[in-house]
Amino acid sequence: MSNVESGRFGCLPWVAAWFSGGAVAHAAWQLTAWARWYCDAGYEAGGRLELNVLLPLTALAGGCAGLAALALGRAVAQPAPKAVRVLLPPVSVLVVTVLLGWWFFATVGTLDDYPGDSGRCPTTNIPPRWPAWIPA
């Protein structure tokens, strides 16, 4: 990749990767908070404090994961044809951040066998409206 080609967009891809990673992480945090509230599992004062402490850490980790995925995608795509060089980095950012958000929801949002009081969720604490085709 030449300097002219890489300097065309400057830092825009890096900023976009940072913000998209943070946005996906924030969405995963929101989904986690909603699942805990809906099932009333881990949503007492200590659970809410845990979620509030995790919010900035989650967004920071999502941003860092977006940057790392962009750097890795660019490094892998460097010797490839132009179409791959253009598409692989943003696709890698999207895939990595969505997979990390999914993992966060599955591990933190659905507290398996936690005593939920709402009666709206099974013992797995996965809300019934969660799509069956997405494992949690």
Protein backbone atom coordinates (compact mmCIF):
# COMPACT_ATOMS: atom_id res chain seq x y z
CA MET A 1 0.00 0.00 0.00
CA SER A 2 1.52 3.34 -1.00
CA ASN A 3 1.68 6.43 1.17
CA VAL A 4 -0.68 8.29 -1.14
CA GLU A 5 -3.29 5.56 -0.80
CA SER A 6 -3.02 5.28 2.99
CA GLY A 7 -3.00 9.05 3.57
CA ARG A 8 -6.22 9.62 1.68
CA PHE A 9 -8.49 9.03 4.67
CA GLY A 10 -6.02 9.86 7.46
CA CYS A 11 -7.24 8.79 10.87
CA LEU A 12 -10.91 8.40 9.89
CA PRO A 13 -10.86 4.55 9.76
CA TRP A 14 -9.22 4.42 13.19
CA VAL A 15 -11.75 6.80 14.72
CA ALA A 16 -14.60 4.89 13.09
CA ALA A 17 -13.23 1.57 14.40
CA TRP A 18 -12.91 3.03 17.92
CA PHE A 19 -16.44 4.45 17.97
CA SER A 20 -18.09 1.45 16.32
CA GLY A 21 -16.38 -0.91 18.78
CA GLY A 22 -17.51 1.27 21.67
CA ALA A 23 -21.05 1.50 20.27
CA VAL A 24 -21.38 -2.27 19.89
CA ALA A 25 -20.01 -2.76 23.40
CA HIS A 26 -22.48 -0.21 24.76
CA ALA A 27 -25.34 -1.98 22.97
CA ALA A 28 -24.21 -5.27 24.51
CA TRP A 29 -24.14 -3.59 27.93
CA GLN A 30 -27.66 -2.23 27.38
CA LEU A 31 -28.89 -5.68 26.36
CA THR A 32 -27.24 -7.16 29.45
CA ALA A 33 -28.87 -4.59 31.74
CA TRP A 34 -32.25 -5.18 30.09
CA ALA A 35 -31.98 -8.98 30.46
CA ARG A 36 -31.05 -8.68 34.12
CA TRP A 37 -33.92 -6.27 34.75
CA TYR A 38 -36.46 -8.35 32.82
CA CYS A 39 -35.58 -11.59 34.59
CA ASP A 40 -34.86 -9.83 37.90
CA ALA A 41 -31.65 -11.85 38.18
CA GLY A 42 -28.63 -9.94 39.36
CA TYR A 43 -30.46 -6.63 39.28
CA GLU A 44 -30.41 -5.87 42.99
CA ALA A 45 -28.22 -3.02 44.27
CA GLY A 46 -24.98 -5.01 43.94
CA GLY A 47 -25.82 -6.19 40.44
CA ARG A 48 -26.67 -2.67 39.28
CA LEU A 49 -23.42 -1.39 40.79
CA GLU A 50 -21.54 -4.11 38.90
CA LEU A 51 -23.23 -3.09 35.65
CA ASN A 52 -22.46 0.60 36.24
CA VAL A 53 -18.80 -0.17 36.91
CA LEU A 54 -18.68 -2.35 33.80
CA LEU A 55 -20.16 0.31 31.50
CA PRO A 56 -17.01 2.42 30.95
CA LEU A 57 -14.80 -0.67 30.96
CA THR A 58 -17.00 -2.35 28.37
CA ALA A 59 -17.01 0.67 26.08
CA LEU A 60 -13.24 1.06 26.44
CA ALA A 61 -12.67 -2.63 25.71
CA GLY A 62 -14.98 -2.45 22.70
CA GLY A 63 -13.08 0.53 21.31
CA CYS A 64 -9.75 -1.20 21.82
CA ALA A 65 -11.07 -4.37 20.20
CA GLY A 66 -12.23 -2.32 17.22
CA LEU A 67 -8.77 -0.78 16.84
CA ALA A 68 -7.03 -4.15 17.17
CA ALA A 69 -9.37 -5.74 14.63
CA LEU A 70 -8.76 -2.89 12.19
CA ALA A 71 -4.98 -3.18 12.58
CA LEU A 72 -5.11 -6.95 12.14
CA GLY A 73 -7.43 -6.68 9.14
CA ARG A 74 -5.14 -4.16 7.49
CA ALA A 75 -2.05 -6.27 8.15
CA VAL A 76 -3.64 -9.42 6.74
CA ALA A 77 -5.12 -7.64 3.72
CA GLN A 78 -1.99 -5.73 2.73
CA PRO A 79 -0.74 -8.15 0.04
CA ALA A 80 -4.27 -8.91 -1.20
CA PRO A 81 -6.12 -7.35 -4.14
CA LYS A 82 -7.64 -3.88 -3.68
CA ALA A 83 -11.19 -5.13 -3.05
CA VAL A 84 -9.98 -7.29 -0.17
CA ARG A 85 -7.81 -4.44 1.19
CA VAL A 86 -10.86 -2.20 1.28
CA LEU A 87 -13.42 -4.68 2.66
CA LEU A 88 -11.49 -6.87 5.10
CA PRO A 89 -10.61 -4.25 7.77
CA PRO A 90 -14.17 -2.94 8.37
CA VAL A 91 -15.62 -6.45 8.19
CA SER A 92 -13.08 -7.65 10.73
CA VAL A 93 -14.02 -4.76 13.06
CA LEU A 94 -17.70 -5.63 12.76
CA VAL A 95 -17.20 -9.37 13.29
CA VAL A 96 -14.84 -9.02 16.26
CA THR A 97 -16.93 -6.43 18.10
CA VAL A 98 -20.21 -8.28 17.54
CA LEU A 99 -18.70 -11.57 18.73
CA LEU A 100 -17.28 -9.88 21.84
CA GLY A 101 -20.63 -8.21 22.55
CA TRP A 102 -22.39 -11.54 22.13
CA TRP A 103 -19.91 -13.17 24.54
CA PHE A 104 -20.45 -10.35 27.06
CA PHE A 105 -24.22 -10.80 26.98
CA ALA A 106 -23.96 -14.58 27.27
CA THR A 107 -21.57 -14.50 30.23
CA VAL A 108 -22.65 -11.40 32.17
CA GLY A 109 -26.25 -10.86 31.09
CA THR A 110 -27.67 -14.33 31.51
CA LEU A 111 -26.77 -15.47 35.00
CA ASP A 112 -27.50 -19.18 34.79
CA ASP A 113 -29.26 -20.62 37.87
CA TYR A 114 -29.31 -17.21 39.56
CA PRO A 115 -32.52 -16.91 41.57
CA GLY A 116 -34.68 -14.57 39.53
CA ASP A 117 -37.80 -13.20 41.16
CA SER A 118 -39.81 -11.95 38.21
CA GLY A 119 -41.14 -15.35 37.13
CA ARG A 120 -40.88 -14.22 33.49
CA CYS A 121 -37.72 -16.20 32.66
CA PRO A 122 -36.61 -19.83 32.98
CA THR A 123 -33.73 -20.82 35.27
CA THR A 124 -31.26 -19.98 32.50
CA ASN A 125 -32.31 -16.31 32.86
CA ILE A 126 -32.49 -15.91 29.10
CA PRO A 127 -35.48 -13.70 28.28
CA PRO A 128 -38.18 -15.60 26.33
CA ARG A 129 -38.10 -13.04 23.52
CA TRP A 130 -34.43 -13.82 22.85
CA PRO A 131 -34.22 -15.40 19.36
CA ALA A 132 -33.67 -19.14 19.56
CA TRP A 133 -31.30 -19.06 16.59
CA ILE A 134 -28.80 -16.98 18.60
CA PRO A 135 -27.36 -19.09 21.40
CA ALA A 136 -26.77 -17.36 24.73
